[in-house]
Structures are given as C-alpha cells and as structure tokens.
PDB file of all heavy atoms in Angstrom:
ATOM      1  N   TYR A   1       0.843  -1.196   0.044  1.00  0.00           N
ATOM      2  CA  TYR A   1       0.016   0.007   0.019  1.00  0.00           C
ATOM      3  C   TYR A   1       0.924   1.292   0.085  1.00  0.00           C
ATOM      4  O   TYR A   1       1.845   1.280   0.732  1.00  0.00           O
ATOM      5  CB  TYR A   1      -0.902   0.011   1.217  1.00  0.00           C
ATOM      6  CG  TYR A   1      -2.233  -0.766   0.995  1.00  0.00           C
ATOM      7  CD1 TYR A   1      -2.194  -2.086   0.864  1.00  0.00           C
ATOM      8  CD2 TYR A   1      -3.348  -0.166   1.045  1.00  0.00           C
ATOM      9  CE1 TYR A   1      -3.283  -2.863   0.622  1.00  0.00           C
ATOM     10  CE2 TYR A   1      -4.589  -0.869   0.776  1.00  0.00           C
ATOM     11  CZ  TYR A   1      -4.460  -2.162   0.496  1.00  0.00           C
ATOM     12  OH  TYR A   1      -5.609  -2.968   0.384  1.00  0.00           O
ATOM     13  N   THR A   2       0.446   2.248  -0.767  1.00  0.00           N
ATOM     14  CA  THR A   2       1.252   3.485  -0.705  1.00  0.00           C
ATOM     15  C   THR A   2       0.745   4.426   0.376  1.00  0.00           C
ATOM     16  O   THR A   2      -0.566   4.435   0.545  1.00  0.00           O
ATOM     17  CB  THR A   2       1.196   4.330  -2.080  1.00  0.00           C
ATOM     18  OG1 THR A   2       1.967   5.410  -1.947  1.00  0.00           O
ATOM     19  CG2 THR A   2      -0.237   4.656  -2.448  1.00  0.00           C
ATOM     20  N   GLY A   3       1.614   4.944   1.060  1.00  0.00           N
ATOM     21  CA  GLY A   3       1.370   6.097   2.007  1.00  0.00           C
ATOM     22  C   GLY A   3       2.026   7.306   1.534  1.00  0.00           C
ATOM     23  O   GLY A   3       2.104   8.267   2.206  1.00  0.00           O
ATOM     24  N   ASN A   4       2.738   7.169   0.312  1.00  0.00           N
ATOM     25  CA  ASN A   4       3.468   8.358  -0.146  1.00  0.00           C
ATOM     26  C   ASN A   4       2.522   9.350  -0.801  1.00  0.00           C
ATOM     27  O   ASN A   4       2.308   9.340  -2.035  1.00  0.00           O
ATOM     28  CB  ASN A   4       4.519   7.757  -1.373  1.00  0.00           C
ATOM     29  CG  ASN A   4       5.650   7.051  -0.729  1.00  0.00           C
ATOM     30  OD1 ASN A   4       6.189   7.392   0.242  1.00  0.00           O
ATOM     31  ND2 ASN A   4       5.887   5.893  -1.393  1.00  0.00           N
ATOM     32  N   ASP A   5       1.981  10.167  -0.023  1.00  0.00           N
ATOM     33  CA  ASP A   5       1.013  11.235  -0.493  1.00  0.00           C
ATOM     34  C   ASP A   5       1.576  12.087  -1.515  1.00  0.00           C
ATOM     35  O   ASP A   5       0.853  12.874  -2.159  1.00  0.00           O
ATOM     36  CB  ASP A   5       0.519  11.999   0.686  1.00  0.00           C
ATOM     37  CG  ASP A   5      -0.047  11.158   1.840  1.00  0.00           C
ATOM     38  OD1 ASP A   5       0.717  10.562   2.509  1.00  0.00           O
ATOM     39  OD2 ASP A   5      -1.397  11.081   1.977  1.00  0.00           O
ATOM     40  N   ASP A   6       2.903  12.159  -1.712  1.00  0.00           N
ATOM     41  CA  ASP A   6       3.508  12.918  -2.723  1.00  0.00           C
ATOM     42  C   ASP A   6       3.692  12.297  -4.028  1.00  0.00           C
ATOM     43  O   ASP A   6       4.243  12.771  -5.023  1.00  0.00           O
ATOM     44  CB  ASP A   6       4.886  13.428  -2.256  1.00  0.00           C
ATOM     45  CG  ASP A   6       5.906  12.318  -2.052  1.00  0.00           C
ATOM     46  OD1 ASP A   6       5.462  11.159  -1.806  1.00  0.00           O
ATOM     47  OD2 ASP A   6       7.090  12.563  -2.099  1.00  0.00           O
ATOM     48  N   ASN A   7       3.324  11.016  -4.132  1.00  0.00           N
ATOM     49  CA  ASN A   7       3.539  10.182  -5.322  1.00  0.00           C
ATOM     50  C   ASN A   7       2.578   9.218  -5.587  1.00  0.00           C
ATOM     51  O   ASN A   7       2.767   8.051  -6.045  1.00  0.00           O
ATOM     52  CB  ASN A   7       4.908   9.499  -5.167  1.00  0.00           C
ATOM     53  CG  ASN A   7       5.454   9.129  -6.506  1.00  0.00           C
ATOM     54  OD1 ASN A   7       5.765   9.936  -7.409  1.00  0.00           O
ATOM     55  ND2 ASN A   7       5.768   7.764  -6.655  1.00  0.00           N
ATOM     56  N   ILE A   8       1.255   9.431  -5.212  1.00  0.00           N
ATOM     57  CA  ILE A   8       0.140   8.397  -5.204  1.00  0.00           C
ATOM     58  C   ILE A   8      -0.060   7.725  -6.466  1.00  0.00           C
ATOM     59  O   ILE A   8       0.047   6.564  -6.534  1.00  0.00           O
ATOM     60  CB  ILE A   8      -1.171   9.059  -4.731  1.00  0.00           C
ATOM     61  CG1 ILE A   8      -1.035   9.626  -3.320  1.00  0.00           C
ATOM     62  CG2 ILE A   8      -2.272   8.099  -4.815  1.00  0.00           C
ATOM     63  CD1 ILE A   8      -2.144  10.490  -2.835  1.00  0.00           C
ATOM     64  N   ILE A   9      -0.334   8.586  -7.477  1.00  0.00           N
ATOM     65  CA  ILE A   9      -0.760   8.038  -8.876  1.00  0.00           C
ATOM     66  C   ILE A   9       0.577   7.195  -9.529  1.00  0.00           C
ATOM     67  O   ILE A   9       0.374   6.078  -9.896  1.00  0.00           O
ATOM     68  CB  ILE A   9      -1.186   9.087  -9.772  1.00  0.00           C
ATOM     69  CG1 ILE A   9      -2.393   9.833  -9.247  1.00  0.00           C
ATOM     70  CG2 ILE A   9      -1.621   8.413 -11.214  1.00  0.00           C
ATOM     71  CD1 ILE A   9      -3.449   8.856  -8.930  1.00  0.00           C
ATOM     72  N   ALA A  10       1.748   7.845  -9.332  1.00  0.00           N
ATOM     73  CA  ALA A  10       2.799   7.079  -9.946  1.00  0.00           C
ATOM     74  C   ALA A  10       3.038   5.829  -9.220  1.00  0.00           C
ATOM     75  O   ALA A  10       3.539   4.802  -9.786  1.00  0.00           O
ATOM     76  CB  ALA A  10       4.110   7.968  -9.872  1.00  0.00           C
ATOM     77  N   ASP A  11       2.873   5.657  -7.929  1.00  0.00           N
ATOM     78  CA  ASP A  11       3.047   4.481  -7.211  1.00  0.00           C
ATOM     79  C   ASP A  11       2.214   3.380  -7.766  1.00  0.00           C
ATOM     80  O   ASP A  11       2.417   2.197  -7.873  1.00  0.00           O
ATOM     81  CB  ASP A  11       2.756   4.692  -5.745  1.00  0.00           C
ATOM     82  CG  ASP A  11       4.064   5.068  -4.987  1.00  0.00           C
ATOM     83  OD1 ASP A  11       5.125   5.053  -5.573  1.00  0.00           O
ATOM     84  OD2 ASP A  11       3.923   5.454  -3.724  1.00  0.00           O
ATOM     85  N   PHE A  12       0.893   3.652  -8.177  1.00  0.00           N
ATOM     86  CA  PHE A  12      -0.065   2.771  -8.627  1.00  0.00           C
ATOM     87  C   PHE A  12       0.276   2.387 -10.042  1.00  0.00           C
ATOM     88  O   PHE A  12       0.078   1.240 -10.503  1.00  0.00           O
ATOM     89  CB  PHE A  12      -1.482   3.320  -8.725  1.00  0.00           C
ATOM     90  CG  PHE A  12      -2.107   3.524  -7.284  1.00  0.00           C
ATOM     91  CD1 PHE A  12      -2.819   4.581  -7.068  1.00  0.00           C
ATOM     92  CD2 PHE A  12      -1.882   2.622  -6.235  1.00  0.00           C
ATOM     93  CE1 PHE A  12      -3.407   4.872  -5.790  1.00  0.00           C
ATOM     94  CE2 PHE A  12      -2.447   2.849  -5.045  1.00  0.00           C
ATOM     95  CZ  PHE A  12      -3.184   3.882  -4.781  1.00  0.00           C
ATOM     96  N   LEU A  13       0.852   3.230 -10.921  1.00  0.00           N
ATOM     97  CA  LEU A  13       1.201   2.966 -12.267  1.00  0.00           C
ATOM     98  C   LEU A  13       2.533   2.180 -12.405  1.00  0.00           C
ATOM     99  O   LEU A  13       2.812   1.607 -13.486  1.00  0.00           O
ATOM    100  CB  LEU A  13       1.372   4.247 -13.007  1.00  0.00           C
ATOM    101  CG  LEU A  13       0.109   5.161 -13.139  1.00  0.00           C
ATOM    102  CD1 LEU A  13       0.318   6.420 -13.833  1.00  0.00           C
ATOM    103  CD2 LEU A  13      -1.076   4.370 -13.691  1.00  0.00           C
ATOM    104  N   THR A  14       3.381   2.046 -11.368  1.00  0.00           N
ATOM    105  CA  THR A  14       4.685   1.546 -11.528  1.00  0.00           C
ATOM    106  C   THR A  14       4.703  -0.035 -11.313  1.00  0.00           C
ATOM    107  O   THR A  14       4.256  -0.490 -10.263  1.00  0.00           O
ATOM    108  CB  THR A  14       5.635   2.186 -10.593  1.00  0.00           C
ATOM    109  OG1 THR A  14       5.571   3.641 -10.764  1.00  0.00           O
ATOM    110  CG2 THR A  14       7.051   1.758 -10.777  1.00  0.00           C
ATOM    111  N   PRO A  15       5.105  -0.809 -12.366  1.00  0.00           N
ATOM    112  CA  PRO A  15       5.559  -2.202 -11.896  1.00  0.00           C
ATOM    113  C   PRO A  15       6.906  -2.252 -11.342  1.00  0.00           C
ATOM    114  O   PRO A  15       7.832  -1.801 -11.940  1.00  0.00           O
ATOM    115  CB  PRO A  15       5.517  -2.963 -13.336  1.00  0.00           C
ATOM    116  CG  PRO A  15       5.737  -1.809 -14.360  1.00  0.00           C
ATOM    117  CD  PRO A  15       5.353  -0.514 -13.666  1.00  0.00           C
ATOM    118  N   TYR A  16       7.015  -2.808 -10.192  1.00  0.00           N
ATOM    119  CA  TYR A  16       8.265  -2.880  -9.463  1.00  0.00           C
ATOM    120  C   TYR A  16       8.964  -4.120  -9.696  1.00  0.00           C
ATOM    121  O   TYR A  16       8.449  -5.257  -9.326  1.00  0.00           O
ATOM    122  CB  TYR A  16       8.020  -2.549  -7.926  1.00  0.00           C
ATOM    123  CG  TYR A  16       7.580  -1.256  -7.675  1.00  0.00           C
ATOM    124  CD1 TYR A  16       6.333  -0.868  -7.653  1.00  0.00           C
ATOM    125  CD2 TYR A  16       8.504  -0.154  -7.359  1.00  0.00           C
ATOM    126  CE1 TYR A  16       5.727   0.357  -7.367  1.00  0.00           C
ATOM    127  CE2 TYR A  16       8.060   1.110  -7.067  1.00  0.00           C
ATOM    128  CZ  TYR A  16       6.784   1.348  -7.143  1.00  0.00           C
ATOM    129  OH  TYR A  16       6.272   2.708  -6.764  1.00  0.00           O
ATOM    130  N   SER A  17      10.208  -4.131 -10.385  1.00  0.00           N
ATOM    131  CA  SER A  17      10.838  -5.438 -10.628  1.00  0.00           C
ATOM    132  C   SER A  17      12.205  -5.243 -10.364  1.00  0.00           C
ATOM    133  O   SER A  17      12.903  -4.218 -10.642  1.00  0.00           O
ATOM    134  CB  SER A  17      10.533  -5.796 -12.172  1.00  0.00           C
ATOM    135  OG  SER A  17      11.270  -6.860 -12.561  1.00  0.00           O
ATOM    136  N   PHE A  18      12.882  -6.333  -9.835  1.00  0.00           N
ATOM    137  CA  PHE A  18      14.312  -6.370  -9.541  1.00  0.00           C
ATOM    138  C   PHE A  18      15.047  -7.510 -10.251  1.00  0.00           C
ATOM    139  O   PHE A  18      15.701  -8.267  -9.514  1.00  0.00           O
ATOM    140  CB  PHE A  18      14.514  -6.291  -8.099  1.00  0.00           C
ATOM    141  CG  PHE A  18      13.775  -5.046  -7.347  1.00  0.00           C
ATOM    142  CD1 PHE A  18      12.501  -5.336  -6.783  1.00  0.00           C
ATOM    143  CD2 PHE A  18      14.438  -3.890  -7.291  1.00  0.00           C
ATOM    144  CE1 PHE A  18      11.890  -4.165  -6.267  1.00  0.00           C
ATOM    145  CE2 PHE A  18      13.726  -2.856  -6.641  1.00  0.00           C
ATOM    146  CZ  PHE A  18      12.451  -2.977  -6.213  1.00  0.00           C
ATOM    147  N   GLY A  19      14.723  -7.614 -11.425  1.00  0.00           N
ATOM    148  CA  GLY A  19      15.355  -8.698 -12.225  1.00  0.00           C
ATOM    149  C   GLY A  19      14.478  -9.983 -12.307  1.00  0.00           C
ATOM    150  O   GLY A  19      14.845 -11.017 -12.975  1.00  0.00           O
ATOM    151  N   GLY A  20      13.218  -9.900 -11.737  1.00  0.00           N
ATOM    152  CA  GLY A  20      12.346 -11.032 -11.849  1.00  0.00           C
ATOM    153  C   GLY A  20      10.902 -10.475 -12.031  1.00  0.00           C
ATOM    154  O   GLY A  20      10.617  -9.555 -12.675  1.00  0.00           O
ATOM    155  N   ALA A  21      10.002 -11.237 -11.649  1.00  0.00           N
ATOM    156  CA  ALA A  21       8.541 -10.860 -11.882  1.00  0.00           C
ATOM    157  C   ALA A  21       8.183  -9.554 -11.056  1.00  0.00           C
ATOM    158  O   ALA A  21       8.770  -9.220 -10.064  1.00  0.00           O
ATOM    159  CB  ALA A  21       7.572 -12.025 -11.296  1.00  0.00           C
ATOM    160  N   ALA A  22       7.436  -8.865 -11.643  1.00  0.00           N
ATOM    161  CA  ALA A  22       6.994  -7.473 -11.104  1.00  0.00           C
ATOM    162  C   ALA A  22       5.892  -7.581 -10.026  1.00  0.00           C
ATOM    163  O   ALA A  22       5.092  -8.586 -10.036  1.00  0.00           O
ATOM    164  CB  ALA A  22       6.556  -6.681 -12.128  1.00  0.00           C
ATOM    165  N   ARG A  23       6.042  -6.660  -8.981  1.00  0.00           N
ATOM    166  CA  ARG A  23       4.898  -6.598  -8.114  1.00  0.00           C
ATOM    167  C   ARG A  23       4.271  -5.092  -8.202  1.00  0.00           C
ATOM    168  O   ARG A  23       5.042  -4.234  -8.667  1.00  0.00           O
ATOM    169  CB  ARG A  23       5.543  -6.621  -6.658  1.00  0.00           C
ATOM    170  CG  ARG A  23       5.782  -8.083  -6.089  1.00  0.00           C
ATOM    171  CD  ARG A  23       4.498  -8.911  -5.870  1.00  0.00           C
ATOM    172  NE  ARG A  23       3.652  -8.317  -4.868  1.00  0.00           N
ATOM    173  CZ  ARG A  23       3.689  -8.529  -3.594  1.00  0.00           C
ATOM    174  NH1 ARG A  23       4.593  -9.255  -3.030  1.00  0.00           N
ATOM    175  NH2 ARG A  23       2.776  -7.905  -2.802  1.00  0.00           N
ATOM    176  N   ARG A  24       3.077  -4.916  -7.700  1.00  0.00           N
ATOM    177  CA  ARG A  24       2.463  -3.658  -7.849  1.00  0.00           C
ATOM    178  C   ARG A  24       1.949  -3.228  -6.419  1.00  0.00           C
ATOM    179  O   ARG A  24       1.642  -4.118  -5.603  1.00  0.00           O
ATOM    180  CB  ARG A  24       1.193  -3.857  -8.630  1.00  0.00           C
ATOM    181  CG  ARG A  24       1.389  -4.130 -10.158  1.00  0.00           C
ATOM    182  CD  ARG A  24       1.604  -2.728 -10.889  1.00  0.00           C
ATOM    183  NE  ARG A  24       1.571  -2.867 -12.381  1.00  0.00           N
ATOM    184  CZ  ARG A  24       1.218  -1.923 -13.229  1.00  0.00           C
ATOM    185  NH1 ARG A  24       1.137  -0.702 -12.866  1.00  0.00           N
ATOM    186  NH2 ARG A  24       1.326  -2.177 -14.597  1.00  0.00           N
ATOM    187  N   ILE A  25       1.995  -1.978  -6.218  1.00  0.00           N
ATOM    188  CA  ILE A  25       1.246  -1.355  -5.178  1.00  0.00           C
ATOM    189  C   ILE A  25      -0.193  -1.317  -5.502  1.00  0.00           C
ATOM    190  O   ILE A  25      -0.497  -0.782  -6.434  1.00  0.00           O
ATOM    191  CB  ILE A  25       1.888   0.099  -4.789  1.00  0.00           C
ATOM    192  CG1 ILE A  25       3.277  -0.082  -4.258  1.00  0.00           C
ATOM    193  CG2 ILE A  25       0.898   0.774  -3.858  1.00  0.00           C
ATOM    194  CD1 ILE A  25       3.923   1.301  -4.038  1.00  0.00           C
TER     195      ILE A  25
END
C-alpha cells in the first residue's frame, strides 16, 4: 500500500521489478 502522499498515482502505475517478476502497489 502506498502512503506516499507525494507520489500516489505514480506508485499505482509502476511495476516494481528487480530482475524477476514484477509486483504492484
């Protein structure tokens, strides 16, 4: 869950991947 009130929409739009399958907020 995002609590980054300064980056709300971008947190939802970003697939987070570190060389493997991606995770989403």
